[in-house]
Amino acid sequence: MDNLFTQKVINANNVFSDSFIDAKTLYLYCFNTLPSLNYINYIDGEKSFTAICEKYKDDIENIHTTRWYKQKKKSFSLIKH
């Protein structure tokens, strides 16, 4: 007989990385599969975030962002890694 319930256990210490939520661990926990990752250098994070949200608005269930307060601009902006 197939298992109808799969127990998921996640170590809370692995959810946070450098005091921020580790999105890869959270994704694995929520969807039970490894996330695909893409890294692109030198892009405007705010502009790309807006474009992605607009294009995939019907598919997006939740949004997690990391923002950093910029003292000179007196506003928050996306962290650009």
PDB file of N, CA and C in Angstrom:
ATOM      1  N   MET A   1       0.844  -1.174   0.000  1.00  0.00           N
ATOM      2  CA  MET A   1       0.000   0.000   0.000  1.00  0.00           C
ATOM      3  C   MET A   1       0.890   1.237   0.000  1.00  0.00           C
ATOM      4  N   ASP A   2       0.525   2.216  -0.804  1.00  0.00           N
ATOM      5  CA  ASP A   2       1.297   3.455  -0.879  1.00  0.00           C
ATOM      6  C   ASP A   2       1.117   4.286   0.376  1.00  0.00           C
ATOM      7  N   ASN A   3       2.172   4.988   0.742  1.00  0.00           N
ATOM      8  CA  ASN A   3       2.060   5.909   1.877  1.00  0.00           C
ATOM      9  C   ASN A   3       1.201   7.095   1.478  1.00  0.00           C
ATOM     10  N   LEU A   4       0.254   7.424   2.304  1.00  0.00           N
ATOM     11  CA  LEU A   4      -0.603   8.569   2.043  1.00  0.00           C
ATOM     12  C   LEU A   4      -0.067   9.832   2.698  1.00  0.00           C
ATOM     13  N   PHE A   5       0.892   9.654   3.598  1.00  0.00           N
ATOM     14  CA  PHE A   5       1.421  10.796   4.335  1.00  0.00           C
ATOM     15  C   PHE A   5       2.941  10.728   4.317  1.00  0.00           C
ATOM     16  N   THR A   6       3.560  11.815   3.950  1.00  0.00           N
ATOM     17  CA  THR A   6       5.007  11.904   3.982  1.00  0.00           C
ATOM     18  C   THR A   6       5.386  12.886   5.071  1.00  0.00           C
ATOM     19  N   GLN A   7       6.153  12.421   6.019  1.00  0.00           N
ATOM     20  CA  GLN A   7       6.565  13.298   7.114  1.00  0.00           C
ATOM     21  C   GLN A   7       7.744  14.134   6.659  1.00  0.00           C
ATOM     22  N   LYS A   8       7.657  15.433   6.877  1.00  0.00           N
ATOM     23  CA  LYS A   8       8.731  16.338   6.545  1.00  0.00           C
ATOM     24  C   LYS A   8       9.279  16.930   7.831  1.00  0.00           C
ATOM     25  N   VAL A   9      10.560  16.865   7.979  1.00  0.00           N
ATOM     26  CA  VAL A   9      11.207  17.456   9.136  1.00  0.00           C
ATOM     27  C   VAL A   9      12.301  18.365   8.612  1.00  0.00           C
ATOM     28  N   ILE A  10      12.341  19.554   9.142  1.00  0.00           N
ATOM     29  CA  ILE A  10      13.370  20.502   8.727  1.00  0.00           C
ATOM     30  C   ILE A  10      14.002  21.089   9.982  1.00  0.00           C
ATOM     31  N   ASN A  11      15.289  21.184   9.976  1.00  0.00           N
ATOM     32  CA  ASN A  11      16.012  21.759  11.097  1.00  0.00           C
ATOM     33  C   ASN A  11      15.884  23.277  11.011  1.00  0.00           C
ATOM     34  N   ALA A  12      15.309  23.895  12.024  1.00  0.00           N
ATOM     35  CA  ALA A  12      15.092  25.348  12.010  1.00  0.00           C
ATOM     36  C   ALA A  12      16.396  26.118  11.849  1.00  0.00           C
ATOM     37  N   ASN A  13      17.511  25.538  12.268  1.00  0.00           N
ATOM     38  CA  ASN A  13      18.805  26.205  12.091  1.00  0.00           C
ATOM     39  C   ASN A  13      19.188  26.327  10.620  1.00  0.00           C
ATOM     40  N   ASN A  14      18.639  25.452   9.778  1.00  0.00           N
ATOM     41  CA  ASN A  14      18.962  25.490   8.353  1.00  0.00           C
ATOM     42  C   ASN A  14      18.047  26.423   7.560  1.00  0.00           C
ATOM     43  N   VAL A  15      16.994  26.892   8.179  1.00  0.00           N
ATOM     44  CA  VAL A  15      16.076  27.793   7.474  1.00  0.00           C
ATOM     45  C   VAL A  15      16.670  29.198   7.358  1.00  0.00           C
ATOM     46  N   PHE A  16      17.485  29.570   8.341  1.00  0.00           N
ATOM     47  CA  PHE A  16      18.049  30.909   8.338  1.00  0.00           C
ATOM     48  C   PHE A  16      19.530  30.876   8.008  1.00  0.00           C
ATOM     49  N   SER A  17      19.941  31.763   7.129  1.00  0.00           N
ATOM     50  CA  SER A  17      21.333  31.895   6.740  1.00  0.00           C
ATOM     51  C   SER A  17      21.706  33.364   6.892  1.00  0.00           C
ATOM     52  N   ASP A  18      22.682  33.671   7.697  1.00  0.00           N
ATOM     53  CA  ASP A  18      23.080  35.064   7.949  1.00  0.00           C
ATOM     54  C   ASP A  18      21.900  35.907   8.401  1.00  0.00           C
ATOM     55  N   SER A  19      21.039  35.350   9.225  1.00  0.00           N
ATOM     56  CA  SER A  19      19.860  35.976   9.820  1.00  0.00           C
ATOM     57  C   SER A  19      18.725  36.241   8.826  1.00  0.00           C
ATOM     58  N   PHE A  20      18.861  35.776   7.596  1.00  0.00           N
ATOM     59  CA  PHE A  20      17.786  35.883   6.613  1.00  0.00           C
ATOM     60  C   PHE A  20      17.266  34.486   6.305  1.00  0.00           C
ATOM     61  N   ILE A  21      16.055  34.383   5.809  1.00  0.00           N
ATOM     62  CA  ILE A  21      15.504  33.085   5.435  1.00  0.00           C
ATOM     63  C   ILE A  21      16.287  32.542   4.250  1.00  0.00           C
ATOM     64  N   ASP A  22      16.684  31.287   4.333  1.00  0.00           N
ATOM     65  CA  ASP A  22      17.350  30.614   3.223  1.00  0.00           C
ATOM     66  C   ASP A  22      16.255  30.109   2.287  1.00  0.00           C
ATOM     67  N   ALA A  23      16.050  30.802   1.207  1.00  0.00           N
ATOM     68  CA  ALA A  23      14.953  30.509   0.286  1.00  0.00           C
ATOM     69  C   ALA A  23      15.064  29.114  -0.316  1.00  0.00           C
ATOM     70  N   LYS A  24      16.283  28.615  -0.519  1.00  0.00           N
ATOM     71  CA  LYS A  24      16.450  27.284  -1.113  1.00  0.00           C
ATOM     72  C   LYS A  24      15.939  26.191  -0.173  1.00  0.00           C
ATOM     73  N   THR A  25      16.253  26.304   1.110  1.00  0.00           N
ATOM     74  CA  THR A  25      15.778  25.320   2.089  1.00  0.00           C
ATOM     75  C   THR A  25      14.265  25.397   2.230  1.00  0.00           C
ATOM     76  N   LEU A  26      13.735  26.600   2.261  1.00  0.00           N
ATOM     77  CA  LEU A  26      12.293  26.786   2.368  1.00  0.00           C
ATOM     78  C   LEU A  26      11.575  26.216   1.148  1.00  0.00           C
ATOM     79  N   TYR A  27      12.126  26.441  -0.032  1.00  0.00           N
ATOM     80  CA  TYR A  27      11.543  25.902  -1.269  1.00  0.00           C
ATOM     81  C   TYR A  27      11.516  24.374  -1.223  1.00  0.00           C
ATOM     82  N   LEU A  28      12.631  23.778  -0.816  1.00  0.00           N
ATOM     83  CA  LEU A  28      12.713  22.325  -0.718  1.00  0.00           C
ATOM     84  C   LEU A  28      11.651  21.790   0.235  1.00  0.00           C
ATOM     85  N   TYR A  29      11.483  22.459   1.362  1.00  0.00           N
ATOM     86  CA  TYR A  29      10.488  22.036   2.347  1.00  0.00           C
ATOM     87  C   TYR A  29       9.063  22.159   1.783  1.00  0.00           C
ATOM     88  N   CYS A  30       8.763  23.269   1.139  1.00  0.00           N
ATOM     89  CA  CYS A  30       7.390  23.519   0.664  1.00  0.00           C
ATOM     90  C   CYS A  30       7.005  22.662  -0.532  1.00  0.00           C
ATOM     91  N   PHE A  31       7.944  22.448  -1.454  1.00  0.00           N
ATOM     92  CA  PHE A  31       7.606  21.783  -2.714  1.00  0.00           C
ATOM     93  C   PHE A  31       8.212  20.391  -2.860  1.00  0.00           C
ATOM     94  N   ASN A  32       9.005  19.970  -1.868  1.00  0.00           N
ATOM     95  CA  ASN A  32       9.596  18.637  -1.869  1.00  0.00           C
ATOM     96  C   ASN A  32      10.444  18.365  -3.122  1.00  0.00           C
ATOM     97  N   THR A  33      11.055  19.393  -3.644  1.00  0.00           N
ATOM     98  CA  THR A  33      11.951  19.272  -4.783  1.00  0.00           C
ATOM     99  C   THR A  33      12.979  20.396  -4.715  1.00  0.00           C
ATOM    100  N   LEU A  34      14.130  20.172  -5.308  1.00  0.00           N
ATOM    101  CA  LEU A  34      15.173  21.197  -5.297  1.00  0.00           C
ATOM    102  C   LEU A  34      14.813  22.336  -6.237  1.00  0.00           C
ATOM    103  N   PRO A  35      15.077  23.564  -5.848  1.00  0.00           N
ATOM    104  CA  PRO A  35      14.782  24.694  -6.735  1.00  0.00           C
ATOM    105  C   PRO A  35      15.818  24.814  -7.839  1.00  0.00           C
ATOM    106  N   SER A  36      15.407  25.375  -8.954  1.00  0.00           N
ATOM    107  CA  SER A  36      16.358  25.736 -10.005  1.00  0.00           C
ATOM    108  C   SER A  36      16.877  27.121  -9.676  1.00  0.00           C
ATOM    109  N   LEU A  37      18.150  27.320  -9.852  1.00  0.00           N
ATOM    110  CA  LEU A  37      18.768  28.607  -9.544  1.00  0.00           C
ATOM    111  C   LEU A  37      19.441  29.168 -10.774  1.00  0.00           C
ATOM    112  N   ASN A  38      19.290  30.454 -10.968  1.00  0.00           N
ATOM    113  CA  ASN A  38      19.979  31.162 -12.043  1.00  0.00           C
ATOM    114  C   ASN A  38      20.629  32.395 -11.453  1.00  0.00           C
ATOM    115  N   TYR A  39      21.830  32.674 -11.866  1.00  0.00           N
ATOM    116  CA  TYR A  39      22.529  33.859 -11.389  1.00  0.00           C
ATOM    117  C   TYR A  39      22.930  34.685 -12.596  1.00  0.00           C
ATOM    118  N   ILE A  40      22.547  35.954 -12.583  1.00  0.00           N
ATOM    119  CA  ILE A  40      22.894  36.873 -13.663  1.00  0.00           C
ATOM    120  C   ILE A  40      23.549  38.090 -13.031  1.00  0.00           C
ATOM    121  N   ASN A  41      24.740  38.392 -13.464  1.00  0.00           N
ATOM    122  CA  ASN A  41      25.485  39.543 -12.949  1.00  0.00           C
ATOM    123  C   ASN A  41      24.949  40.861 -13.502  1.00  0.00           C
ATOM    124  N   TYR A  42      25.066  41.894 -12.716  1.00  0.00           N
ATOM    125  CA  TYR A  42      24.842  43.272 -13.149  1.00  0.00           C
ATOM    126  C   TYR A  42      23.463  43.515 -13.759  1.00  0.00           C
ATOM    127  N   ILE A  43      22.426  43.133 -13.045  1.00  0.00           N
ATOM    128  CA  ILE A  43      21.076  43.476 -13.495  1.00  0.00           C
ATOM    129  C   ILE A  43      20.433  44.382 -12.459  1.00  0.00           C
ATOM    130  N   ASP A  44      19.449  45.114 -12.874  1.00  0.00           N
ATOM    131  CA  ASP A  44      18.696  45.976 -11.970  1.00  0.00           C
ATOM    132  C   ASP A  44      17.664  45.100 -11.270  1.00  0.00           C
ATOM    133  N   GLY A  45      17.898  44.788  -9.995  1.00  0.00           N
ATOM    134  CA  GLY A  45      17.035  43.887  -9.245  1.00  0.00           C
ATOM    135  C   GLY A  45      15.604  44.378  -9.137  1.00  0.00           C
ATOM    136  N   GLU A  46      15.431  45.663  -8.909  1.00  0.00           N
ATOM    137  CA  GLU A  46      14.074  46.216  -8.781  1.00  0.00           C
ATOM    138  C   GLU A  46      13.306  46.071 -10.088  1.00  0.00           C
ATOM    139  N   LYS A  47      13.952  46.383 -11.199  1.00  0.00           N
ATOM    140  CA  LYS A  47      13.305  46.324 -12.503  1.00  0.00           C
ATOM    141  C   LYS A  47      12.969  44.880 -12.884  1.00  0.00           C
ATOM    142  N   SER A  48      13.905  43.969 -12.660  1.00  0.00           N
ATOM    143  CA  SER A  48      13.658  42.571 -13.013  1.00  0.00           C
ATOM    144  C   SER A  48      12.602  41.950 -12.095  1.00  0.00           C
ATOM    145  N   PHE A  49      12.611  42.312 -10.811  1.00  0.00           N
ATOM    146  CA  PHE A  49      11.610  41.807  -9.873  1.00  0.00           C
ATOM    147  C   PHE A  49      10.207  42.211 -10.324  1.00  0.00           C
ATOM    148  N   THR A  50      10.050  43.467 -10.695  1.00  0.00           N
ATOM    149  CA  THR A  50       8.751  43.963 -11.168  1.00  0.00           C
ATOM    150  C   THR A  50       8.314  43.239 -12.426  1.00  0.00           C
ATOM    151  N   ALA A  51       9.235  43.048 -13.365  1.00  0.00           N
ATOM    152  CA  ALA A  51       8.906  42.379 -14.629  1.00  0.00           C
ATOM    153  C   ALA A  51       8.518  40.919 -14.406  1.00  0.00           C
ATOM    154  N   ILE A  52       9.250  40.217 -13.539  1.00  0.00           N
ATOM    155  CA  ILE A  52       8.950  38.812 -13.252  1.00  0.00           C
ATOM    156  C   ILE A  52       7.597  38.684 -12.557  1.00  0.00           C
ATOM    157  N   CYS A  53       7.336  39.563 -11.590  1.00  0.00           N
ATOM    158  CA  CYS A  53       6.046  39.530 -10.883  1.00  0.00           C
ATOM    159  C   CYS A  53       4.888  39.782 -11.834  1.00  0.00           C
ATOM    160  N   GLU A  54       5.086  40.690 -12.779  1.00  0.00           N
ATOM    161  CA  GLU A  54       4.032  41.004 -13.736  1.00  0.00           C
ATOM    162  C   GLU A  54       3.793  39.838 -14.694  1.00  0.00           C
ATOM    163  N   LYS A  55       4.870  39.259 -15.208  1.00  0.00           N
ATOM    164  CA  LYS A  55       4.749  38.183 -16.190  1.00  0.00           C
ATOM    165  C   LYS A  55       4.158  36.913 -15.578  1.00  0.00           C
ATOM    166  N   TYR A  56       4.539  36.586 -14.342  1.00  0.00           N
ATOM    167  CA  TYR A  56       4.111  35.333 -13.718  1.00  0.00           C
ATOM    168  C   TYR A  56       3.099  35.533 -12.596  1.00  0.00           C
ATOM    169  N   LYS A  57       2.354  36.634 -12.619  1.00  0.00           N
ATOM    170  CA  LYS A  57       1.434  36.970 -11.534  1.00  0.00           C
ATOM    171  C   LYS A  57       0.396  35.885 -11.262  1.00  0.00           C
ATOM    172  N   ASP A  58      -0.019  35.158 -12.282  1.00  0.00           N
ATOM    173  CA  ASP A  58      -1.026  34.115 -12.082  1.00  0.00           C
ATOM    174  C   ASP A  58      -0.438  32.850 -11.457  1.00  0.00           C
ATOM    175  N   ASP A  59       0.871  32.682 -11.565  1.00  0.00           N
ATOM    176  CA  ASP A  59       1.536  31.482 -11.043  1.00  0.00           C
ATOM    177  C   ASP A  59       2.147  31.698  -9.658  1.00  0.00           C
ATOM    178  N   ILE A  60       2.342  32.926  -9.261  1.00  0.00           N
ATOM    179  CA  ILE A  60       3.005  33.231  -7.993  1.00  0.00           C
ATOM    180  C   ILE A  60       2.030  33.061  -6.837  1.00  0.00           C
ATOM    181  N   GLU A  61       2.435  32.235  -5.868  1.00  0.00           N
ATOM    182  CA  GLU A  61       1.602  32.019  -4.680  1.00  0.00           C
ATOM    183  C   GLU A  61       2.072  32.876  -3.516  1.00  0.00           C
ATOM    184  N   ASN A  62       3.379  33.004  -3.338  1.00  0.00           N
ATOM    185  CA  ASN A  62       3.961  33.787  -2.254  1.00  0.00           C
ATOM    186  C   ASN A  62       5.227  34.459  -2.765  1.00  0.00           C
ATOM    187  N   ILE A  63       5.586  35.553  -2.134  1.00  0.00           N
ATOM    188  CA  ILE A  63       6.802  36.271  -2.506  1.00  0.00           C
ATOM    189  C   ILE A  63       7.651  36.460  -1.259  1.00  0.00           C
ATOM    190  N   HIS A  64       8.914  36.145  -1.394  1.00  0.00           N
ATOM    191  CA  HIS A  64       9.897  36.382  -0.330  1.00  0.00           C
ATOM    192  C   HIS A  64      11.002  37.233  -0.930  1.00  0.00           C
ATOM    193  N   THR A  65      11.266  38.371  -0.331  1.00  0.00           N
ATOM    194  CA  THR A  65      12.347  39.230  -0.817  1.00  0.00           C
ATOM    195  C   THR A  65      13.272  39.581   0.337  1.00  0.00           C
ATOM    196  N   THR A  66      14.464  39.945  -0.005  1.00  0.00           N
ATOM    197  CA  THR A  66      15.419  40.473   0.950  1.00  0.00           C
ATOM    198  C   THR A  66      15.721  41.895   0.513  1.00  0.00           C
ATOM    199  N   ARG A  67      15.476  42.827   1.381  1.00  0.00           N
ATOM    200  CA  ARG A  67      15.707  44.234   1.046  1.00  0.00           C
ATOM    201  C   ARG A  67      16.674  44.842   2.049  1.00  0.00           C
ATOM    202  N   TRP A  68      17.432  45.801   1.607  1.00  0.00           N
ATOM    203  CA  TRP A  68      18.442  46.459   2.411  1.00  0.00           C
ATOM    204  C   TRP A  68      18.144  47.948   2.441  1.00  0.00           C
ATOM    205  N   TYR A  69      18.207  48.548   3.610  1.00  0.00           N
ATOM    206  CA  TYR A  69      17.943  49.980   3.717  1.00  0.00           C
ATOM    207  C   TYR A  69      19.197  50.755   3.325  1.00  0.00           C
ATOM    208  N   LYS A  70      19.059  51.614   2.330  1.00  0.00           N
ATOM    209  CA  LYS A  70      20.164  52.439   1.848  1.00  0.00           C
ATOM    210  C   LYS A  70      20.069  53.818   2.501  1.00  0.00           C
ATOM    211  N   GLN A  71      21.035  54.132   3.347  1.00  0.00           N
ATOM    212  CA  GLN A  71      21.008  55.395   4.098  1.00  0.00           C
ATOM    213  C   GLN A  71      21.002  56.613   3.167  1.00  0.00           C
ATOM    214  N   LYS A  72      21.826  56.591   2.135  1.00  0.00           N
ATOM    215  CA  LYS A  72      21.914  57.749   1.241  1.00  0.00           C
ATOM    216  C   LYS A  72      20.606  58.009   0.498  1.00  0.00           C
ATOM    217  N   LYS A  73      19.955  56.930   0.059  1.00  0.00           N
ATOM    218  CA  LYS A  73      18.686  57.065  -0.665  1.00  0.00           C
ATOM    219  C   LYS A  73      17.497  57.201   0.270  1.00  0.00           C
ATOM    220  N   LYS A  74      17.714  56.838   1.553  1.00  0.00           N
ATOM    221  CA  LYS A  74      16.651  56.833   2.550  1.00  0.00           C
ATOM    222  C   LYS A  74      15.457  55.976   2.090  1.00  0.00           C
ATOM    223  N   SER A  75      15.798  54.791   1.538  1.00  0.00           N
ATOM    224  CA  SER A  75      14.775  53.860   1.094  1.00  0.00           C
ATOM    225  C   SER A  75      15.334  52.444   1.059  1.00  0.00           C
ATOM    226  N   PHE A  76      14.448  51.483   0.912  1.00  0.00           N
ATOM    227  CA  PHE A  76      14.869  50.089   0.811  1.00  0.00           C
ATOM    228  C   PHE A  76      15.083  49.717  -0.657  1.00  0.00           C
ATOM    229  N   SER A  77      16.008  48.817  -0.896  1.00  0.00           N
ATOM    230  CA  SER A  77      16.189  48.266  -2.235  1.00  0.00           C
ATOM    231  C   SER A  77      16.514  46.789  -2.115  1.00  0.00           C
ATOM    232  N   LEU A  78      16.294  46.065  -3.199  1.00  0.00           N
ATOM    233  CA  LEU A  78      16.593  44.633  -3.207  1.00  0.00           C
ATOM    234  C   LEU A  78      18.075  44.435  -3.033  1.00  0.00           C
ATOM    235  N   ILE A  79      18.430  43.361  -2.349  1.00  0.00           N
ATOM    236  CA  ILE A  79      19.852  43.019  -2.207  1.00  0.00           C
ATOM    237  C   ILE A  79      20.317  42.450  -3.536  1.00  0.00           C
ATOM    238  N   LYS A  80      21.388  42.969  -4.019  1.00  0.00           N
ATOM    239  CA  LYS A  80      21.974  42.480  -5.271  1.00  0.00           C
ATOM    240  C   LYS A  80      23.230  41.721  -4.914  1.00  0.00           C
ATOM    241  N   HIS A  81      23.217  40.439  -5.179  1.00  0.00           N
ATOM    242  CA  HIS A  81      24.363  39.581  -4.824  1.00  0.00           C
ATOM    243  C   HIS A  81      25.347  39.544  -5.972  1.00  0.00           C
TER     244      HIS A  81
END
